[in-house]
Amino acid sequence: MSNAARPAALVAMWPDVFSTLFDDARLARLHALCEVRDDETTGDLDDPALAARLAEVEVLITSWGTPPLTAERLDRMPRLRAVFHCAGTVRSLVTDAVWERGIVVTTAAEANAIPVAEFTFASIVLAGKRAQVFARDPRAHRREWRTLLETTNLSNLGRRVGVVGFSRIGRRVVALLQQLDAVEVLVADPYADATAVAAAGARLVPLDELLPNVDVLSLHAPELPETKRMIGAAQLAALPDGATVINTARGSLLDTDALAAECASGRLDAILDVTDPEPLPVHSPLLDLPNVSITPHIAGSLGRETLRMTDAALDDLERFLNGEDPREAVRVADLGVSA
């Protein structure tokens, strides 16, 4: 692509986000694809000093913290053709005004799904041995392992795992679970196709059928009005004694108080990478329970993993500039059922 053909682009990110997502190699690739001014990288799209630049921008590179693309902001970018998002969800970024103008939007959600699925799979395997519980017990190392031989639930053989949401992440978790011997995977998702679920090695069932028949409940549904606290007291009560609840999706999917009550009773364990609210208040009982493991929203892309999202965005940018369809274009119809 010649320099003359390169469209004007703006990296609409705050400096700390930009430095995480772009190393020298990826910045050089962006420069080869677009006309970019490094000194204009900013998360402030309302800066009056950007007015002239915004008027000529055709491509916007976005990520965490980029402000919503409202009609008012888009009016300042009359030539904008496409937005390439170096992160997962675009819910807080895209408004109806974007679709009304026919602007192409892509996401790096597939790249971000990889570490979340890996984290979830590792959590499921560790839950099979209650490793997170023993790790918090200072007396655990004194136990004689032979005393645990008759504790038949400390096993990953023949594990029964329930996956709620056959999403990008949910599908990857199902695929990773196939490595376990004699694993049985049940999926609950009103939008999933039973044939596709079966081809992935799982069985599609209603949620109320899934709950009493799993050792692990792993949540991968999107945050929607209809999924708010979809796992409440009744659903948790339906789980078998000794089951583990894993949430690497959104904290709002779970009724926090109901989960705390079940875990406090010792009936259920929980592994939470997200909570509601996030972070939890200091007085939350979940923070002190020995059978609850809480991590600070680390399942998603961190460190070198973030570069994979940048690569996905740049790949789609290159396809777009070559007249091809981006691989991860967001469709407005999908936003109602996806993260």
Protein backbone atom coordinates (compact mmCIF):
# COMPACT_ATOMS: atom_id res chain seq x y z
CA MET A 1 0.00 0.00 0.00
CA SER A 2 1.48 3.34 -1.01
CA ASN A 3 1.77 6.24 1.42
CA ALA A 4 -0.75 8.20 -0.64
CA ALA A 5 -3.31 5.42 -0.18
CA ARG A 6 -2.98 5.26 3.57
CA PRO A 7 -6.09 6.57 5.35
CA ALA A 8 -5.80 9.00 8.23
CA ALA A 9 -6.15 7.19 11.55
CA LEU A 10 -6.37 8.22 15.17
CA VAL A 11 -5.43 6.01 18.11
CA ALA A 12 -8.16 6.94 20.58
CA MET A 13 -6.59 5.49 23.72
CA TRP A 14 -5.21 6.78 26.96
CA PRO A 15 -1.40 6.52 27.19
CA ASP A 16 -1.30 3.66 29.71
CA VAL A 17 -3.62 1.54 27.55
CA PHE A 18 -1.72 2.40 24.38
CA SER A 19 1.63 1.36 25.86
CA THR A 20 0.13 -1.97 26.88
CA LEU A 21 -1.32 -2.75 23.46
CA PHE A 22 1.34 -1.42 21.10
CA ASP A 23 4.99 -2.42 21.12
CA ASP A 24 7.41 -1.13 18.49
CA ALA A 25 6.59 -3.88 15.99
CA ARG A 26 2.85 -3.37 16.15
CA LEU A 27 3.16 0.39 16.02
CA ALA A 28 5.31 0.04 12.91
CA ARG A 29 2.66 -2.17 11.36
CA LEU A 30 -0.03 0.40 12.12
CA HIS A 31 2.09 3.12 10.50
CA ALA A 32 2.47 0.94 7.40
CA LEU A 33 -1.30 0.62 7.11
CA CYS A 34 -2.44 4.13 8.07
CA GLU A 35 -1.24 7.68 8.37
CA VAL A 36 -0.90 7.99 12.14
CA ARG A 37 0.55 10.77 14.27
CA ASP A 38 2.03 9.37 17.46
CA ASP A 39 1.74 12.68 19.31
CA GLU A 40 -2.05 12.62 18.85
CA THR A 41 -2.69 9.36 20.69
CA THR A 42 -5.35 10.31 23.23
CA GLY A 43 -8.47 9.11 24.98
CA ASP A 44 -9.95 12.61 24.95
CA LEU A 45 -12.05 12.88 21.80
CA ASP A 46 -13.45 16.20 23.01
CA ASP A 47 -10.10 18.00 22.99
CA PRO A 48 -10.55 21.17 20.85
CA ALA A 49 -6.96 20.80 19.66
CA LEU A 50 -8.01 17.62 17.82
CA ALA A 51 -10.75 19.28 15.77
CA ALA A 52 -8.80 19.50 12.52
CA ARG A 53 -7.49 15.98 12.85
CA LEU A 54 -10.89 14.47 13.65
CA ALA A 55 -12.32 16.10 10.54
CA GLU A 56 -10.02 14.00 8.34
CA VAL A 57 -9.89 10.73 10.29
CA GLU A 58 -11.19 7.67 8.45
CA VAL A 59 -10.05 4.99 10.89
CA LEU A 60 -10.31 4.94 14.67
CA ILE A 61 -8.28 2.53 16.83
CA THR A 62 -9.94 2.09 20.23
CA SER A 63 -9.72 0.05 23.41
CA TRP A 64 -10.54 0.19 27.12
CA GLY A 65 -11.48 3.68 28.25
CA THR A 66 -12.26 5.14 24.83
CA PRO A 67 -15.32 7.37 25.33
CA PRO A 68 -18.66 6.44 23.70
CA LEU A 69 -18.96 7.32 20.03
CA THR A 70 -21.98 9.56 20.38
CA ALA A 71 -23.66 11.41 17.53
CA GLU A 72 -22.02 14.63 18.70
CA ARG A 73 -18.55 13.12 18.59
CA LEU A 74 -19.20 11.41 15.26
CA ASP A 75 -20.32 14.73 13.78
CA ARG A 76 -16.73 15.87 14.29
CA MET A 77 -15.53 12.84 12.31
CA PRO A 78 -17.53 13.07 9.07
CA ARG A 79 -15.07 10.87 7.15
CA LEU A 80 -14.92 8.04 9.70
CA ARG A 81 -15.40 4.68 7.99
CA ALA A 82 -14.32 2.09 10.52
CA VAL A 83 -13.52 1.48 14.19
CA PHE A 84 -11.06 -1.26 15.18
CA HIS A 85 -11.42 -2.13 18.85
CA CYS A 86 -8.37 -3.65 20.56
CA ALA A 87 -10.45 -5.22 23.34
CA GLY A 88 -13.53 -7.37 23.85
CA THR A 89 -16.98 -5.90 24.27
CA VAL A 90 -17.93 -2.70 22.42
CA ARG A 91 -21.08 -2.11 24.48
CA SER A 92 -19.75 1.00 26.20
CA LEU A 93 -18.22 2.33 22.98
CA VAL A 94 -20.80 1.95 20.22
CA THR A 95 -24.05 3.90 20.07
CA ASP A 96 -26.93 3.81 17.60
CA ALA A 97 -25.31 6.75 15.83
CA VAL A 98 -22.46 4.48 14.74
CA TRP A 99 -24.79 2.04 12.99
CA GLU A 100 -26.89 4.84 11.50
CA ARG A 101 -23.78 6.13 9.74
CA GLY A 102 -22.85 2.70 8.40
CA ILE A 103 -19.51 2.67 10.21
CA VAL A 104 -17.78 -0.72 10.36
CA VAL A 105 -16.88 -1.88 13.88
CA THR A 106 -14.62 -4.79 14.76
CA THR A 107 -13.71 -6.36 18.07
CA ALA A 108 -10.85 -8.43 19.44
CA ALA A 109 -13.24 -10.46 21.58
CA GLU A 110 -12.11 -13.77 20.09
CA ALA A 111 -8.51 -13.05 21.06
CA ASN A 112 -9.60 -11.99 24.53
CA ALA A 113 -11.62 -15.19 24.90
CA ILE A 114 -8.46 -17.32 24.81
CA PRO A 115 -6.99 -16.40 28.22
CA VAL A 116 -10.42 -16.36 29.86
CA ALA A 117 -11.11 -19.89 28.66
CA GLU A 118 -7.65 -21.02 29.76
CA PHE A 119 -8.16 -19.50 33.21
CA THR A 120 -11.58 -21.11 33.49
CA PHE A 121 -10.32 -24.54 32.44
CA ALA A 122 -7.49 -24.33 34.97
CA SER A 123 -10.01 -23.33 37.65
CA ILE A 124 -12.23 -26.31 36.80
CA VAL A 125 -9.29 -28.71 37.07
CA LEU A 126 -8.16 -27.22 40.39
CA ALA A 127 -11.74 -27.29 41.68
CA GLY A 128 -11.75 -31.04 41.06
CA LYS A 129 -9.15 -31.36 43.82
CA ARG A 130 -10.51 -28.44 45.90
CA ALA A 131 -7.02 -26.98 45.52
CA GLN A 132 -8.23 -23.44 46.13
CA VAL A 133 -9.72 -24.52 49.47
CA PHE A 134 -6.65 -26.41 50.66
CA ALA A 135 -4.40 -23.52 49.60
CA ARG A 136 -6.19 -21.21 52.05
CA ASP A 137 -5.99 -23.70 54.92
CA PRO A 138 -2.69 -23.30 56.82
CA ARG A 139 -3.17 -26.78 58.29
CA ALA A 140 -3.73 -28.53 54.97
CA HIS A 141 -0.08 -29.42 54.41
CA ARG A 142 -0.13 -31.47 57.62
CA ARG A 143 -2.83 -33.78 56.30
CA GLU A 144 -1.88 -37.26 55.25
CA TRP A 145 -2.90 -37.68 51.61
CA ARG A 146 -4.13 -41.20 52.28
CA THR A 147 -6.90 -39.75 54.43
CA LEU A 148 -8.33 -38.17 51.27
CA LEU A 149 -8.53 -41.39 49.26
CA GLU A 150 -12.12 -42.03 50.23
CA THR A 151 -13.20 -38.48 49.38
CA THR A 152 -14.50 -39.50 45.98
CA ASN A 153 -15.42 -35.99 44.88
CA LEU A 154 -11.72 -35.01 44.81
CA SER A 155 -11.33 -36.08 41.21
CA ASN A 156 -11.43 -34.84 37.64
CA LEU A 157 -12.21 -38.27 36.20
CA GLY A 158 -15.79 -38.35 34.98
CA ARG A 159 -16.27 -34.70 35.91
CA ARG A 160 -19.71 -33.23 35.19
CA VAL A 161 -19.39 -29.62 34.10
CA GLY A 162 -22.21 -27.22 33.36
CA VAL A 163 -21.44 -24.36 30.99
CA VAL A 164 -23.98 -21.53 30.99
CA GLY A 165 -23.59 -19.64 27.73
CA PHE A 166 -22.25 -21.17 24.51
CA SER A 167 -20.40 -17.92 23.81
CA ARG A 168 -16.92 -17.39 22.41
CA ILE A 169 -15.50 -18.23 25.80
CA GLY A 170 -18.03 -20.94 26.55
CA ARG A 171 -17.19 -22.75 23.31
CA ARG A 172 -13.48 -22.60 24.08
CA VAL A 173 -14.06 -23.95 27.58
CA VAL A 174 -16.06 -26.85 26.16
CA ALA A 175 -13.21 -27.61 23.75
CA LEU A 176 -10.59 -27.53 26.51
CA LEU A 177 -12.69 -29.81 28.70
CA GLN A 178 -12.46 -32.58 26.12
CA GLN A 179 -8.95 -33.24 27.45
CA LEU A 180 -10.42 -34.68 30.67
CA ASP A 181 -11.19 -38.39 30.76
CA ALA A 182 -14.87 -39.33 30.76
CA VAL A 183 -15.92 -35.71 31.13
CA GLU A 184 -19.61 -34.90 30.73
CA VAL A 185 -20.34 -31.36 29.62
CA LEU A 186 -23.83 -29.87 29.69
CA VAL A 187 -24.57 -26.52 28.07
CA ALA A 188 -27.48 -24.19 28.81
CA ASP A 189 -28.06 -21.41 26.30
CA PRO A 190 -31.44 -20.47 24.78
CA TYR A 191 -29.73 -19.20 21.61
CA ALA A 192 -27.39 -22.14 20.99
CA ASP A 193 -27.88 -24.78 18.31
CA ALA A 194 -28.06 -28.32 19.69
CA THR A 195 -26.18 -29.72 16.70
CA ALA A 196 -23.30 -27.27 17.16
CA VAL A 197 -23.15 -28.02 20.88
CA ALA A 198 -23.10 -31.77 20.21
CA ALA A 199 -20.34 -31.34 17.62
CA ALA A 200 -18.29 -29.57 20.31
CA GLY A 201 -18.62 -32.56 22.62
CA ALA A 202 -21.40 -31.36 24.90
CA ARG A 203 -25.16 -31.68 25.32
CA LEU A 204 -27.61 -28.78 25.20
CA VAL A 205 -30.17 -28.84 28.02
CA PRO A 206 -32.42 -26.34 29.80
CA LEU A 207 -30.82 -24.59 32.77
CA ASP A 208 -33.13 -26.28 35.29
CA GLU A 209 -32.02 -29.67 33.98
CA LEU A 210 -28.35 -28.73 34.01
CA LEU A 211 -28.13 -27.45 37.60
CA PRO A 212 -28.80 -30.64 39.61
CA ASN A 213 -26.55 -32.71 37.36
CA VAL A 214 -23.16 -30.96 37.48
CA ASP A 215 -20.14 -30.89 39.79
CA VAL A 216 -19.01 -27.53 38.42
CA LEU A 217 -21.14 -24.63 37.20
CA SER A 218 -19.18 -22.27 34.93
CA LEU A 219 -20.80 -19.01 33.83
CA HIS A 220 -20.19 -17.55 30.35
CA ALA A 221 -23.42 -15.68 29.58
CA PRO A 222 -23.40 -12.03 28.45
CA GLU A 223 -24.44 -9.21 30.74
CA LEU A 224 -27.99 -8.42 29.63
CA PRO A 225 -31.14 -7.33 31.46
CA GLU A 226 -32.47 -10.88 31.26
CA THR A 227 -29.27 -12.42 32.63
CA LYS A 228 -29.01 -10.19 35.71
CA ARG A 229 -28.83 -12.53 38.73
CA MET A 230 -29.89 -15.43 36.55
CA ILE A 231 -28.18 -17.64 39.11
CA GLY A 232 -30.02 -16.80 42.32
CA ALA A 233 -30.97 -18.61 45.50
CA ALA A 234 -33.24 -21.13 43.76
CA GLN A 235 -30.67 -22.00 41.11
CA LEU A 236 -27.85 -22.36 43.65
CA ALA A 237 -30.06 -24.55 45.83
CA ALA A 238 -30.56 -26.87 42.85
CA LEU A 239 -26.83 -27.61 42.62
CA PRO A 240 -25.59 -30.83 44.25
CA ASP A 241 -23.78 -30.67 47.57
CA GLY A 242 -20.07 -30.06 47.02
CA ALA A 243 -20.48 -28.33 43.66
CA THR A 244 -18.23 -25.43 42.66
CA VAL A 245 -19.52 -22.21 41.09
CA ILE A 246 -17.06 -20.50 38.74
CA ASN A 247 -17.68 -17.03 37.35
CA THR A 248 -15.28 -15.50 34.83
CA ALA A 249 -18.03 -13.66 32.94
CA ARG A 250 -19.80 -10.82 34.76
CA GLY A 251 -20.52 -10.46 38.45
CA SER A 252 -24.13 -9.45 37.81
CA LEU A 253 -24.99 -12.97 36.63
CA LEU A 254 -24.84 -14.18 40.24
CA ASP A 255 -26.87 -13.21 43.29
CA THR A 256 -23.94 -12.34 45.55
CA ASP A 257 -25.86 -12.66 48.82
CA ALA A 258 -27.33 -16.02 47.88
CA LEU A 259 -23.92 -17.34 46.88
CA ALA A 260 -22.39 -16.11 50.14
CA ALA A 261 -25.07 -17.94 52.11
CA GLU A 262 -24.49 -21.22 50.26
CA CYS A 263 -20.72 -21.00 50.60
CA ALA A 264 -20.94 -20.03 54.28
CA SER A 265 -22.94 -23.18 54.91
CA GLY A 266 -20.10 -25.18 53.37
CA ARG A 267 -22.40 -26.73 50.78
CA LEU A 268 -20.87 -25.00 47.75
CA ASP A 269 -17.42 -23.70 46.79
CA ALA A 270 -16.85 -20.69 44.54
CA ILE A 271 -14.10 -19.40 42.28
CA LEU A 272 -14.81 -15.81 41.27
CA ASP A 273 -12.80 -13.61 38.94
CA VAL A 274 -15.67 -11.11 38.77
CA THR A 275 -18.08 -9.94 41.46
CA ASP A 276 -21.10 -7.72 41.96
CA PRO A 277 -20.21 -5.10 42.99
CA GLU A 278 -16.63 -5.07 41.78
CA PRO A 279 -14.61 -4.81 43.92
CA LEU A 280 -16.58 -6.25 46.80
CA PRO A 281 -17.07 -4.04 49.87
CA VAL A 282 -14.58 -4.78 52.64
CA HIS A 283 -17.32 -6.25 54.85
CA SER A 284 -18.49 -8.80 52.25
CA PRO A 285 -18.64 -12.27 53.82
CA LEU A 286 -17.29 -13.76 50.59
CA LEU A 287 -13.87 -12.26 51.34
CA ASP A 288 -13.40 -14.32 54.50
CA LEU A 289 -14.84 -17.67 53.48
CA PRO A 290 -12.17 -20.40 53.16
CA ASN A 291 -14.02 -22.10 50.30
CA VAL A 292 -14.27 -18.96 48.15
CA SER A 293 -11.41 -17.91 45.89
CA ILE A 294 -11.55 -14.36 44.49
CA THR A 295 -9.17 -12.89 41.92
CA PRO A 296 -9.23 -9.26 40.69
CA HIS A 297 -10.65 -9.68 37.16
CA ILE A 298 -7.43 -11.20 35.81
CA ALA A 299 -8.85 -13.93 33.56
CA GLY A 300 -8.94 -11.63 30.53
CA SER A 301 -5.98 -10.42 28.51
CA LEU A 302 -3.05 -9.11 30.54
CA GLY A 303 0.64 -8.63 29.81
CA ARG A 304 1.72 -10.18 26.51
CA GLU A 305 -1.81 -11.48 25.98
CA THR A 306 -2.95 -7.94 25.14
CA LEU A 307 -0.73 -7.95 22.06
CA ARG A 308 -2.84 -10.76 20.65
CA MET A 309 -5.83 -8.40 20.70
CA THR A 310 -3.82 -5.75 18.88
CA ASP A 311 -2.86 -8.31 16.25
CA ALA A 312 -6.51 -9.23 15.76
CA ALA A 313 -7.48 -5.57 15.29
CA LEU A 314 -4.61 -4.91 12.87
CA ASP A 315 -5.43 -8.06 10.90
CA ASP A 316 -8.98 -6.82 10.42
CA LEU A 317 -7.74 -3.33 9.58
CA GLU A 318 -5.57 -4.79 6.84
CA ARG A 319 -8.47 -6.84 5.49
CA PHE A 320 -10.70 -3.78 5.48
CA LEU A 321 -8.14 -1.69 3.61
CA ASN A 322 -7.74 -4.48 1.06
CA GLY A 323 -11.47 -4.48 0.37
CA GLU A 324 -12.11 -7.70 2.30
CA ASP A 325 -14.64 -8.33 5.05
CA PRO A 326 -13.15 -8.03 8.54
CA ARG A 327 -13.12 -11.36 10.35
CA GLU A 328 -14.50 -9.96 13.61
CA ALA A 329 -16.95 -7.34 12.42
CA VAL A 330 -19.64 -6.60 15.01
CA ARG A 331 -23.23 -6.90 13.85
CA VAL A 332 -25.83 -4.76 15.54
CA ALA A 333 -28.14 -7.80 15.77
CA ASP A 334 -25.55 -9.68 17.82
CA LEU A 335 -25.31 -7.03 20.52
CA GLY A 336 -28.61 -8.14 22.01
CA VAL A 337 -27.31 -11.64 22.78
CA SER A 338 -23.56 -11.24 23.20
CA ALA A 339 -21.09 -9.55 25.49
